[in-house]
Amino acid sequence: LTKYDCSAADINPIGGISKQDLRRFLKWGAGNLGYPELANVEAAPPTAELEPLREGVKPQNDEDDMGMTYEELSVYGRLRKISRCGPVSMFKQCLALWRDRYSPAVVADKVKAFFRFYSINRHKTTVLTPSYHAENYSPDDNRFDHRQFLYNTWWPWQFKRIDNMEAQSSGAGAAAAAAGAAGSGCCR
């Protein structure tokens, strides 16, 4: 989050809309409103354009810079804002949600990375340009958001708990796989 970046205006009409919902709207608008150019806007890679373009160098990409996709960020945003999840409860939710997609270790790393970035950037969201708020998980509607805004960026107790839970989850998965392999007769 860049402080005052897109918020340096009197009103920010899309500031309270998640990137995923905005992309869906752009696709819909291209097909249903007769503005085909919106499809090109939607297809453009997300970038803050903070680095100059250089020959032979891949352009800056928000998702690469953040280490998470906007789809994942939408999940984190809903879990943090609507469900009021902290690191441990978010890890549990994401572990269940992504059990077929990521290992427990990857989920743990992703959740911890989100909370590190959240901790580092939370103070920037306390003063923002008014936005139109179409959803209850808007990242910048802080009129009723009384959560603290300064955090220990390493979340020592919570991250240790996640590490313990991840080890148990990974161990349980490995034990189940070993038991299945032993029972099949293939590894005797």
N, C-alpha and C. Protein backbone atom coordinates (compact mmCIF):
# COMPACT_ATOMS: atom_id res chain seq x y z
N LEU A 1 0.85 -1.17 0.00
CA LEU A 1 0.00 0.00 0.00
C LEU A 1 0.89 1.23 0.00
N THR A 2 0.69 2.10 -0.94
CA THR A 2 1.42 3.36 -1.02
C THR A 2 0.53 4.45 -0.45
N LYS A 3 0.99 5.09 0.62
CA LYS A 3 0.18 6.11 1.27
C LYS A 3 -0.15 7.23 0.29
N TYR A 4 -1.41 7.56 0.20
CA TYR A 4 -1.97 8.61 -0.65
C TYR A 4 -1.86 8.30 -2.14
N ASP A 5 -1.37 7.14 -2.51
CA ASP A 5 -1.19 6.75 -3.91
C ASP A 5 -2.42 7.07 -4.73
N CYS A 6 -3.36 6.17 -4.80
CA CYS A 6 -4.60 6.40 -5.55
C CYS A 6 -5.58 7.21 -4.72
N SER A 7 -5.20 7.53 -3.51
CA SER A 7 -6.10 8.25 -2.62
C SER A 7 -5.85 9.75 -2.64
N ALA A 8 -4.97 10.21 -3.47
CA ALA A 8 -4.66 11.64 -3.52
C ALA A 8 -5.69 12.36 -4.39
N ALA A 9 -6.93 12.34 -3.94
CA ALA A 9 -8.03 12.97 -4.67
C ALA A 9 -9.13 13.30 -3.67
N ASP A 10 -10.17 13.98 -4.15
CA ASP A 10 -11.28 14.31 -3.27
C ASP A 10 -12.19 13.13 -3.00
N ILE A 11 -12.30 12.23 -3.97
CA ILE A 11 -13.08 11.00 -3.78
C ILE A 11 -12.43 9.90 -4.61
N ASN A 12 -12.51 8.70 -4.12
CA ASN A 12 -11.89 7.55 -4.76
C ASN A 12 -12.99 6.53 -5.06
N PRO A 13 -13.59 6.58 -6.25
CA PRO A 13 -14.77 5.76 -6.52
C PRO A 13 -14.54 4.26 -6.52
N ILE A 14 -13.32 3.79 -6.76
CA ILE A 14 -13.09 2.34 -6.73
C ILE A 14 -12.22 1.92 -5.55
N GLY A 15 -11.94 2.83 -4.63
CA GLY A 15 -11.05 2.53 -3.51
C GLY A 15 -11.58 1.49 -2.56
N GLY A 16 -12.89 1.34 -2.49
CA GLY A 16 -13.48 0.39 -1.56
C GLY A 16 -13.92 -0.90 -2.22
N ILE A 17 -13.42 -1.18 -3.42
CA ILE A 17 -13.80 -2.39 -4.15
C ILE A 17 -12.57 -3.28 -4.28
N SER A 18 -12.73 -4.56 -4.00
CA SER A 18 -11.59 -5.46 -4.12
C SER A 18 -11.17 -5.58 -5.58
N LYS A 19 -9.91 -5.88 -5.78
CA LYS A 19 -9.39 -6.04 -7.15
C LYS A 19 -10.14 -7.14 -7.89
N GLN A 20 -10.49 -8.22 -7.21
CA GLN A 20 -11.20 -9.32 -7.85
C GLN A 20 -12.58 -8.87 -8.33
N ASP A 21 -13.30 -8.14 -7.49
CA ASP A 21 -14.62 -7.66 -7.88
C ASP A 21 -14.53 -6.63 -9.00
N LEU A 22 -13.51 -5.77 -8.94
CA LEU A 22 -13.32 -4.78 -10.00
C LEU A 22 -13.02 -5.48 -11.33
N ARG A 23 -12.20 -6.52 -11.30
CA ARG A 23 -11.90 -7.25 -12.53
C ARG A 23 -13.17 -7.89 -13.11
N ARG A 24 -14.01 -8.48 -12.25
CA ARG A 24 -15.27 -9.07 -12.72
C ARG A 24 -16.16 -8.00 -13.34
N PHE A 25 -16.20 -6.83 -12.72
CA PHE A 25 -17.02 -5.74 -13.26
C PHE A 25 -16.49 -5.28 -14.63
N LEU A 26 -15.17 -5.17 -14.75
CA LEU A 26 -14.59 -4.75 -16.03
C LEU A 26 -14.91 -5.75 -17.14
N LYS A 27 -14.82 -7.04 -16.83
CA LYS A 27 -15.18 -8.07 -17.82
C LYS A 27 -16.64 -7.94 -18.20
N TRP A 28 -17.49 -7.77 -17.20
CA TRP A 28 -18.93 -7.62 -17.44
C TRP A 28 -19.19 -6.38 -18.29
N GLY A 29 -18.57 -5.27 -17.93
CA GLY A 29 -18.77 -4.02 -18.67
C GLY A 29 -18.31 -4.11 -20.11
N ALA A 30 -17.21 -4.83 -20.33
CA ALA A 30 -16.72 -5.00 -21.71
C ALA A 30 -17.74 -5.74 -22.55
N GLY A 31 -18.35 -6.76 -21.97
CA GLY A 31 -19.30 -7.58 -22.73
C GLY A 31 -20.72 -7.06 -22.75
N ASN A 32 -21.13 -6.38 -21.70
CA ASN A 32 -22.55 -6.00 -21.57
C ASN A 32 -22.84 -4.51 -21.75
N LEU A 33 -21.85 -3.67 -21.62
CA LEU A 33 -22.09 -2.23 -21.75
C LEU A 33 -21.59 -1.66 -23.07
N GLY A 34 -20.95 -2.50 -23.86
CA GLY A 34 -20.46 -2.02 -25.15
C GLY A 34 -19.16 -1.25 -25.06
N TYR A 35 -18.35 -1.53 -24.05
CA TYR A 35 -17.04 -0.89 -23.91
C TYR A 35 -15.96 -1.96 -23.98
N PRO A 36 -15.65 -2.46 -25.18
CA PRO A 36 -14.68 -3.55 -25.30
C PRO A 36 -13.29 -3.20 -24.76
N GLU A 37 -12.94 -1.92 -24.70
CA GLU A 37 -11.63 -1.51 -24.20
C GLU A 37 -11.45 -1.89 -22.72
N LEU A 38 -12.57 -2.04 -21.99
CA LEU A 38 -12.48 -2.46 -20.58
C LEU A 38 -11.82 -3.82 -20.45
N ALA A 39 -11.96 -4.68 -21.46
CA ALA A 39 -11.31 -5.99 -21.43
C ALA A 39 -9.79 -5.84 -21.43
N ASN A 40 -9.27 -4.84 -22.15
CA ASN A 40 -7.83 -4.59 -22.15
C ASN A 40 -7.36 -4.07 -20.80
N VAL A 41 -8.17 -3.23 -20.16
CA VAL A 41 -7.83 -2.73 -18.83
C VAL A 41 -7.78 -3.90 -17.85
N GLU A 42 -8.77 -4.77 -17.93
CA GLU A 42 -8.83 -5.94 -17.02
C GLU A 42 -7.65 -6.87 -17.25
N ALA A 43 -7.23 -7.03 -18.51
CA ALA A 43 -6.15 -7.97 -18.84
C ALA A 43 -4.76 -7.43 -18.52
N ALA A 44 -4.64 -6.14 -18.28
CA ALA A 44 -3.33 -5.55 -17.99
C ALA A 44 -2.80 -6.08 -16.67
N PRO A 45 -1.51 -6.39 -16.61
CA PRO A 45 -0.96 -6.87 -15.33
C PRO A 45 -1.01 -5.76 -14.28
N PRO A 46 -1.39 -6.09 -13.06
CA PRO A 46 -1.46 -5.07 -12.01
C PRO A 46 -0.06 -4.59 -11.62
N THR A 47 0.13 -3.30 -11.63
CA THR A 47 1.42 -2.73 -11.27
C THR A 47 1.25 -1.33 -10.70
N ALA A 48 2.09 -1.00 -9.74
CA ALA A 48 2.11 0.35 -9.19
C ALA A 48 2.93 1.27 -10.08
N GLU A 49 3.63 0.71 -11.05
CA GLU A 49 4.46 1.46 -11.99
C GLU A 49 5.44 2.38 -11.27
N LEU A 50 6.08 1.85 -10.25
CA LEU A 50 7.05 2.63 -9.49
C LEU A 50 8.46 2.50 -10.06
N GLU A 51 8.69 1.46 -10.87
CA GLU A 51 10.01 1.25 -11.46
C GLU A 51 9.93 1.56 -12.96
N PRO A 52 10.95 2.21 -13.50
CA PRO A 52 10.92 2.50 -14.94
C PRO A 52 11.07 1.21 -15.75
N LEU A 53 10.48 1.20 -16.95
CA LEU A 53 10.62 0.06 -17.84
C LEU A 53 12.03 0.02 -18.38
N ARG A 54 12.61 -1.19 -18.42
CA ARG A 54 13.97 -1.35 -18.93
C ARG A 54 14.00 -2.48 -19.94
N GLU A 55 14.76 -2.29 -20.97
CA GLU A 55 14.91 -3.29 -22.02
C GLU A 55 15.41 -4.60 -21.44
N GLY A 56 14.72 -5.68 -21.74
CA GLY A 56 15.14 -7.01 -21.31
C GLY A 56 14.83 -7.35 -19.86
N VAL A 57 14.14 -6.45 -19.15
CA VAL A 57 13.79 -6.70 -17.75
C VAL A 57 12.28 -6.79 -17.64
N LYS A 58 11.81 -7.84 -16.97
CA LYS A 58 10.38 -8.02 -16.79
C LYS A 58 9.81 -6.81 -16.03
N PRO A 59 8.69 -6.23 -16.51
CA PRO A 59 8.11 -5.07 -15.80
C PRO A 59 7.65 -5.44 -14.39
N GLN A 60 7.63 -4.46 -13.53
CA GLN A 60 7.17 -4.64 -12.16
C GLN A 60 5.74 -5.18 -12.17
N ASN A 61 5.45 -6.08 -11.24
CA ASN A 61 4.13 -6.68 -11.13
C ASN A 61 3.74 -6.71 -9.65
N ASP A 62 2.58 -6.18 -9.32
CA ASP A 62 2.14 -6.12 -7.92
C ASP A 62 2.17 -7.48 -7.24
N GLU A 63 1.63 -8.49 -7.92
CA GLU A 63 1.52 -9.81 -7.30
C GLU A 63 2.90 -10.40 -7.03
N ASP A 64 3.84 -10.19 -7.94
CA ASP A 64 5.21 -10.65 -7.70
C ASP A 64 5.83 -9.90 -6.53
N ASP A 65 5.63 -8.58 -6.49
CA ASP A 65 6.19 -7.77 -5.42
C ASP A 65 5.63 -8.16 -4.05
N MET A 66 4.33 -8.46 -4.02
CA MET A 66 3.69 -8.81 -2.75
C MET A 66 3.93 -10.26 -2.35
N GLY A 67 4.20 -11.11 -3.33
CA GLY A 67 4.36 -12.54 -3.03
C GLY A 67 3.03 -13.23 -2.81
N MET A 68 1.96 -12.63 -3.28
CA MET A 68 0.62 -13.21 -3.16
C MET A 68 -0.23 -12.66 -4.29
N THR A 69 -1.23 -13.43 -4.67
CA THR A 69 -2.11 -12.99 -5.75
C THR A 69 -3.21 -12.11 -5.18
N TYR A 70 -3.86 -11.35 -6.06
CA TYR A 70 -5.00 -10.56 -5.61
C TYR A 70 -6.16 -11.46 -5.17
N GLU A 71 -6.25 -12.64 -5.75
CA GLU A 71 -7.27 -13.60 -5.31
C GLU A 71 -7.00 -13.98 -3.84
N GLU A 72 -5.75 -14.29 -3.52
CA GLU A 72 -5.39 -14.62 -2.13
C GLU A 72 -5.61 -13.41 -1.23
N LEU A 73 -5.21 -12.25 -1.70
CA LEU A 73 -5.37 -11.03 -0.90
C LEU A 73 -6.84 -10.76 -0.59
N SER A 74 -7.74 -11.07 -1.52
CA SER A 74 -9.17 -10.92 -1.26
C SER A 74 -9.63 -11.86 -0.15
N VAL A 75 -9.10 -13.09 -0.17
CA VAL A 75 -9.43 -14.05 0.89
C VAL A 75 -8.94 -13.50 2.23
N TYR A 76 -7.69 -13.05 2.28
CA TYR A 76 -7.14 -12.50 3.53
C TYR A 76 -7.95 -11.30 4.00
N GLY A 77 -8.31 -10.42 3.07
CA GLY A 77 -9.08 -9.23 3.43
C GLY A 77 -10.42 -9.57 4.05
N ARG A 78 -11.12 -10.51 3.46
CA ARG A 78 -12.42 -10.92 4.01
C ARG A 78 -12.24 -11.58 5.38
N LEU A 79 -11.25 -12.44 5.49
CA LEU A 79 -11.03 -13.11 6.78
C LEU A 79 -10.61 -12.12 7.85
N ARG A 80 -9.79 -11.14 7.50
CA ARG A 80 -9.32 -10.16 8.49
C ARG A 80 -10.42 -9.19 8.86
N LYS A 81 -11.11 -8.64 7.87
CA LYS A 81 -12.07 -7.57 8.13
C LYS A 81 -13.44 -8.10 8.56
N ILE A 82 -14.00 -9.05 7.82
CA ILE A 82 -15.35 -9.53 8.12
C ILE A 82 -15.32 -10.55 9.25
N SER A 83 -14.44 -11.54 9.13
CA SER A 83 -14.40 -12.61 10.14
C SER A 83 -13.53 -12.25 11.34
N ARG A 84 -12.80 -11.14 11.24
CA ARG A 84 -11.94 -10.65 12.32
C ARG A 84 -10.88 -11.67 12.74
N CYS A 85 -10.34 -12.36 11.76
CA CYS A 85 -9.32 -13.37 12.03
C CYS A 85 -7.97 -12.72 12.33
N GLY A 86 -7.30 -13.29 13.29
CA GLY A 86 -5.90 -12.98 13.53
C GLY A 86 -5.07 -14.03 12.81
N PRO A 87 -3.76 -14.04 13.04
CA PRO A 87 -2.90 -14.98 12.32
C PRO A 87 -3.28 -16.45 12.48
N VAL A 88 -3.55 -16.89 13.70
CA VAL A 88 -3.82 -18.31 13.94
C VAL A 88 -5.15 -18.73 13.33
N SER A 89 -6.20 -17.96 13.58
CA SER A 89 -7.50 -18.34 13.03
C SER A 89 -7.50 -18.22 11.50
N MET A 90 -6.74 -17.26 10.94
CA MET A 90 -6.66 -17.18 9.48
C MET A 90 -5.91 -18.39 8.92
N PHE A 91 -4.86 -18.82 9.59
CA PHE A 91 -4.14 -20.01 9.15
C PHE A 91 -5.08 -21.21 9.11
N LYS A 92 -5.87 -21.39 10.16
CA LYS A 92 -6.82 -22.51 10.20
C LYS A 92 -7.81 -22.43 9.03
N GLN A 93 -8.35 -21.25 8.79
CA GLN A 93 -9.32 -21.07 7.70
C GLN A 93 -8.68 -21.33 6.34
N CYS A 94 -7.50 -20.78 6.12
CA CYS A 94 -6.82 -20.95 4.83
C CYS A 94 -6.36 -22.39 4.63
N LEU A 95 -5.94 -23.04 5.71
CA LEU A 95 -5.54 -24.44 5.62
C LEU A 95 -6.71 -25.30 5.13
N ALA A 96 -7.89 -25.05 5.66
CA ALA A 96 -9.08 -25.79 5.23
C ALA A 96 -9.47 -25.40 3.80
N LEU A 97 -9.39 -24.12 3.49
CA LEU A 97 -9.79 -23.63 2.17
C LEU A 97 -8.86 -24.12 1.06
N TRP A 98 -7.56 -24.16 1.33
CA TRP A 98 -6.57 -24.47 0.31
C TRP A 98 -5.93 -25.85 0.49
N ARG A 99 -6.58 -26.77 1.19
CA ARG A 99 -5.97 -28.08 1.49
C ARG A 99 -5.59 -28.85 0.23
N ASP A 100 -6.31 -28.64 -0.86
CA ASP A 100 -5.99 -29.33 -2.11
C ASP A 100 -5.07 -28.51 -3.02
N ARG A 101 -4.73 -27.32 -2.57
CA ARG A 101 -3.95 -26.41 -3.41
C ARG A 101 -2.52 -26.21 -2.92
N TYR A 102 -2.37 -26.08 -1.58
CA TYR A 102 -1.06 -25.81 -0.99
C TYR A 102 -0.81 -26.74 0.19
N SER A 103 0.47 -27.00 0.46
CA SER A 103 0.84 -27.75 1.66
C SER A 103 0.64 -26.87 2.89
N PRO A 104 0.54 -27.47 4.08
CA PRO A 104 0.43 -26.64 5.29
C PRO A 104 1.58 -25.65 5.44
N ALA A 105 2.79 -26.05 5.03
CA ALA A 105 3.94 -25.14 5.15
C ALA A 105 3.77 -23.92 4.25
N VAL A 106 3.26 -24.12 3.04
CA VAL A 106 3.05 -22.99 2.12
C VAL A 106 1.95 -22.08 2.65
N VAL A 107 0.87 -22.65 3.18
CA VAL A 107 -0.21 -21.85 3.77
C VAL A 107 0.33 -21.04 4.94
N ALA A 108 1.13 -21.67 5.78
CA ALA A 108 1.72 -20.96 6.93
C ALA A 108 2.57 -19.79 6.45
N ASP A 109 3.42 -20.02 5.46
CA ASP A 109 4.27 -18.94 4.93
C ASP A 109 3.43 -17.81 4.36
N LYS A 110 2.38 -18.14 3.63
CA LYS A 110 1.53 -17.12 3.01
C LYS A 110 0.81 -16.29 4.07
N VAL A 111 0.25 -16.93 5.08
CA VAL A 111 -0.47 -16.21 6.13
C VAL A 111 0.49 -15.32 6.91
N LYS A 112 1.67 -15.84 7.24
CA LYS A 112 2.64 -15.03 7.97
C LYS A 112 3.12 -13.85 7.13
N ALA A 113 3.31 -14.08 5.83
CA ALA A 113 3.72 -12.96 4.95
C ALA A 113 2.62 -11.89 4.92
N PHE A 114 1.36 -12.33 4.82
CA PHE A 114 0.27 -11.35 4.81
C PHE A 114 0.31 -10.51 6.09
N PHE A 115 0.44 -11.16 7.24
CA PHE A 115 0.41 -10.40 8.49
C PHE A 115 1.65 -9.53 8.67
N ARG A 116 2.78 -9.93 8.12
CA ARG A 116 3.95 -9.04 8.17
C ARG A 116 3.67 -7.78 7.35
N PHE A 117 3.18 -7.96 6.12
CA PHE A 117 2.84 -6.79 5.29
C PHE A 117 1.74 -5.96 5.93
N TYR A 118 0.74 -6.64 6.48
CA TYR A 118 -0.36 -5.94 7.16
C TYR A 118 0.19 -5.08 8.29
N SER A 119 1.09 -5.64 9.09
CA SER A 119 1.67 -4.91 10.22
C SER A 119 2.46 -3.70 9.76
N ILE A 120 3.21 -3.88 8.71
CA ILE A 120 4.07 -2.81 8.20
C ILE A 120 3.23 -1.67 7.61
N ASN A 121 2.09 -2.02 6.98
CA ASN A 121 1.32 -1.03 6.23
C ASN A 121 0.03 -0.56 6.89
N ARG A 122 -0.39 -1.16 7.97
CA ARG A 122 -1.68 -0.84 8.58
C ARG A 122 -1.82 0.64 8.91
N HIS A 123 -0.78 1.27 9.40
CA HIS A 123 -0.86 2.69 9.79
C HIS A 123 -1.19 3.58 8.60
N LYS A 124 -0.88 3.13 7.39
CA LYS A 124 -1.14 3.95 6.20
C LYS A 124 -2.63 4.04 5.88
N THR A 125 -3.42 3.14 6.43
CA THR A 125 -4.85 3.13 6.11
C THR A 125 -5.68 3.95 7.09
N THR A 126 -5.04 4.62 8.02
CA THR A 126 -5.81 5.39 8.99
C THR A 126 -6.23 6.76 8.47
N VAL A 127 -5.61 7.24 7.40
CA VAL A 127 -5.99 8.51 6.80
C VAL A 127 -6.08 8.29 5.29
N LEU A 128 -7.28 8.17 4.79
CA LEU A 128 -7.46 7.95 3.36
C LEU A 128 -8.59 8.81 2.82
N THR A 129 -8.54 9.06 1.54
CA THR A 129 -9.58 9.80 0.85
C THR A 129 -10.89 9.02 0.93
N PRO A 130 -12.01 9.69 1.13
CA PRO A 130 -13.29 8.97 1.17
C PRO A 130 -13.53 8.18 -0.11
N SER A 131 -14.00 6.96 0.06
CA SER A 131 -14.29 6.08 -1.07
C SER A 131 -15.75 5.69 -1.05
N TYR A 132 -16.23 5.26 -2.18
CA TYR A 132 -17.55 4.65 -2.24
C TYR A 132 -17.39 3.24 -1.72
N HIS A 133 -18.16 2.87 -0.71
CA HIS A 133 -18.01 1.56 -0.08
C HIS A 133 -19.18 0.67 -0.46
N ALA A 134 -18.92 -0.21 -1.42
CA ALA A 134 -19.96 -1.10 -1.93
C ALA A 134 -19.95 -2.45 -1.23
N GLU A 135 -18.95 -2.70 -0.39
CA GLU A 135 -18.83 -4.01 0.24
C GLU A 135 -18.42 -3.83 1.69
N ASN A 136 -18.74 -4.83 2.52
CA ASN A 136 -18.41 -4.71 3.94
C ASN A 136 -16.98 -5.10 4.27
N TYR A 137 -16.19 -5.51 3.28
CA TYR A 137 -14.79 -5.84 3.55
C TYR A 137 -13.83 -4.82 2.96
N SER A 138 -14.34 -3.67 2.62
CA SER A 138 -13.51 -2.62 2.03
C SER A 138 -12.25 -2.42 2.85
N PRO A 139 -11.10 -2.40 2.21
CA PRO A 139 -9.86 -2.29 2.95
C PRO A 139 -9.62 -0.92 3.57
N ASP A 140 -10.34 0.11 3.13
CA ASP A 140 -10.01 1.44 3.64
C ASP A 140 -11.16 2.17 4.32
N ASP A 141 -12.25 1.50 4.58
CA ASP A 141 -13.33 2.16 5.30
C ASP A 141 -13.06 2.02 6.79
N ASN A 142 -12.40 3.01 7.36
CA ASN A 142 -11.99 2.88 8.76
C ASN A 142 -12.83 3.74 9.71
N ARG A 143 -14.00 4.17 9.26
CA ARG A 143 -14.83 4.98 10.14
C ARG A 143 -15.23 4.21 11.40
N PHE A 144 -15.43 2.91 11.25
CA PHE A 144 -15.84 2.09 12.39
C PHE A 144 -14.80 1.04 12.72
N ASP A 145 -13.63 1.19 12.18
CA ASP A 145 -12.55 0.23 12.38
C ASP A 145 -11.68 0.72 13.52
N HIS A 146 -11.87 0.13 14.68
CA HIS A 146 -11.14 0.58 15.86
C HIS A 146 -10.01 -0.37 16.22
N ARG A 147 -9.57 -1.18 15.23
CA ARG A 147 -8.43 -2.06 15.50
C ARG A 147 -7.18 -1.21 15.64
N GLN A 148 -6.24 -1.73 16.39
CA GLN A 148 -4.98 -1.01 16.50
C GLN A 148 -4.34 -0.90 15.13
N PHE A 149 -3.40 0.03 14.99
CA PHE A 149 -2.74 0.19 13.70
C PHE A 149 -1.23 0.10 13.79
N LEU A 150 -0.69 -0.12 14.96
CA LEU A 150 0.74 -0.37 15.11
C LEU A 150 0.91 -1.77 15.70
N TYR A 151 1.69 -2.60 15.04
CA TYR A 151 1.84 -4.00 15.43
C TYR A 151 3.30 -4.39 15.49
N ASN A 152 3.60 -5.43 16.26
CA ASN A 152 4.88 -6.10 16.20
C ASN A 152 4.85 -6.90 14.90
N THR A 153 5.71 -6.58 13.97
CA THR A 153 5.63 -7.18 12.63
C THR A 153 5.97 -8.66 12.61
N TRP A 154 6.49 -9.21 13.69
CA TRP A 154 6.86 -10.63 13.70
C TRP A 154 5.84 -11.49 14.42
N TRP A 155 4.82 -10.92 15.05
CA TRP A 155 3.75 -11.68 15.68
C TRP A 155 4.31 -12.93 16.39
N PRO A 156 5.20 -12.78 17.36
CA PRO A 156 5.94 -13.93 17.89
C PRO A 156 5.07 -15.07 18.43
N TRP A 157 4.10 -14.77 19.24
CA TRP A 157 3.26 -15.84 19.80
C TRP A 157 2.44 -16.50 18.70
N GLN A 158 1.79 -15.69 17.87
CA GLN A 158 0.90 -16.22 16.84
C GLN A 158 1.67 -17.03 15.80
N PHE A 159 2.83 -16.54 15.36
CA PHE A 159 3.58 -17.26 14.34
C PHE A 159 4.15 -18.56 14.90
N LYS A 160 4.53 -18.57 16.18
CA LYS A 160 5.01 -19.82 16.79
C LYS A 160 3.87 -20.83 16.83
N ARG A 161 2.68 -20.38 17.15
CA ARG A 161 1.50 -21.26 17.17
C ARG A 161 1.23 -21.81 15.77
N ILE A 162 1.32 -20.96 14.74
CA ILE A 162 1.13 -21.41 13.36
C ILE A 162 2.18 -22.47 13.01
N ASP A 163 3.44 -22.22 13.39
CA ASP A 163 4.50 -23.19 13.10
C ASP A 163 4.19 -24.54 13.74
N ASN A 164 3.72 -24.51 14.98
CA ASN A 164 3.36 -25.77 15.66
C ASN A 164 2.20 -26.46 14.96
N MET A 165 1.20 -25.70 14.58
CA MET A 165 0.04 -26.28 13.89
C MET A 165 0.43 -26.82 12.52
N GLU A 166 1.29 -26.10 11.82
CA GLU A 166 1.76 -26.55 10.50
C GLU A 166 2.53 -27.85 10.64
N ALA A 167 3.40 -27.94 11.65
CA ALA A 167 4.18 -29.17 11.86
C ALA A 167 3.24 -30.35 12.15
N GLN A 168 2.22 -30.10 12.97
CA GLN A 168 1.25 -31.17 13.26
C GLN A 168 0.50 -31.57 11.99
N SER A 169 0.08 -30.59 11.19
CA SER A 169 -0.65 -30.88 9.96
C SER A 169 0.23 -31.63 8.97
N SER A 170 1.47 -31.18 8.82
CA SER A 170 2.39 -31.85 7.90
C SER A 170 2.72 -33.25 8.40
N GLY A 171 2.91 -33.39 9.69
CA GLY A 171 3.20 -34.70 10.28
C GLY A 171 2.04 -35.65 10.14
N ALA A 172 0.83 -35.14 10.33
CA ALA A 172 -0.36 -35.98 10.19
C ALA A 172 -0.52 -36.43 8.75
N GLY A 173 -0.26 -35.52 7.80
CA GLY A 173 -0.36 -35.87 6.39
C GLY A 173 0.69 -36.90 6.00
N ALA A 174 1.92 -36.71 6.50
CA ALA A 174 3.00 -37.65 6.18
C ALA A 174 2.73 -39.01 6.81
N ALA A 175 2.22 -39.01 8.05
CA ALA A 175 1.91 -40.27 8.73
C ALA A 175 0.79 -41.01 8.00
N ALA A 176 -0.23 -40.28 7.55
CA ALA A 176 -1.34 -40.90 6.82
C ALA A 176 -0.85 -41.47 5.50
N ALA A 177 0.04 -40.73 4.82
CA ALA A 177 0.57 -41.21 3.54
C ALA A 177 1.42 -42.46 3.75
N ALA A 178 2.24 -42.45 4.82
CA ALA A 178 3.07 -43.61 5.12
C ALA A 178 2.21 -44.82 5.48
N ALA A 179 1.15 -44.58 6.27
CA ALA A 179 0.27 -45.67 6.65
C ALA A 179 -0.44 -46.24 5.43
N GLY A 180 -0.85 -45.36 4.51
CA GLY A 180 -1.51 -45.81 3.28
C GLY A 180 -0.55 -46.61 2.41
N ALA A 181 0.71 -46.14 2.32
CA ALA A 181 1.69 -46.85 1.51
C ALA A 181 2.03 -48.19 2.13
N ALA A 182 2.16 -48.23 3.47
CA ALA A 182 2.46 -49.49 4.15
C ALA A 182 1.32 -50.47 3.98
N GLY A 183 0.11 -49.96 4.03
CA GLY A 183 -1.07 -50.83 3.90
C GLY A 183 -1.25 -51.36 2.49
N SER A 184 -0.68 -50.69 1.50
CA SER A 184 -0.87 -51.11 0.11
C SER A 184 0.10 -52.20 -0.30
N GLY A 185 1.11 -52.44 0.53
CA GLY A 185 2.06 -53.49 0.20
C GLY A 185 3.17 -53.04 -0.74
N CYS A 186 3.18 -51.77 -1.12
CA CYS A 186 4.17 -51.32 -2.11
C CYS A 186 5.51 -51.00 -1.48
N CYS A 187 5.56 -50.79 -0.20
CA CYS A 187 6.80 -50.34 0.41
C CYS A 187 7.34 -51.33 1.43
N ARG A 188 6.95 -52.56 1.39
CA ARG A 188 7.42 -53.51 2.40
C ARG A 188 8.76 -54.05 2.07
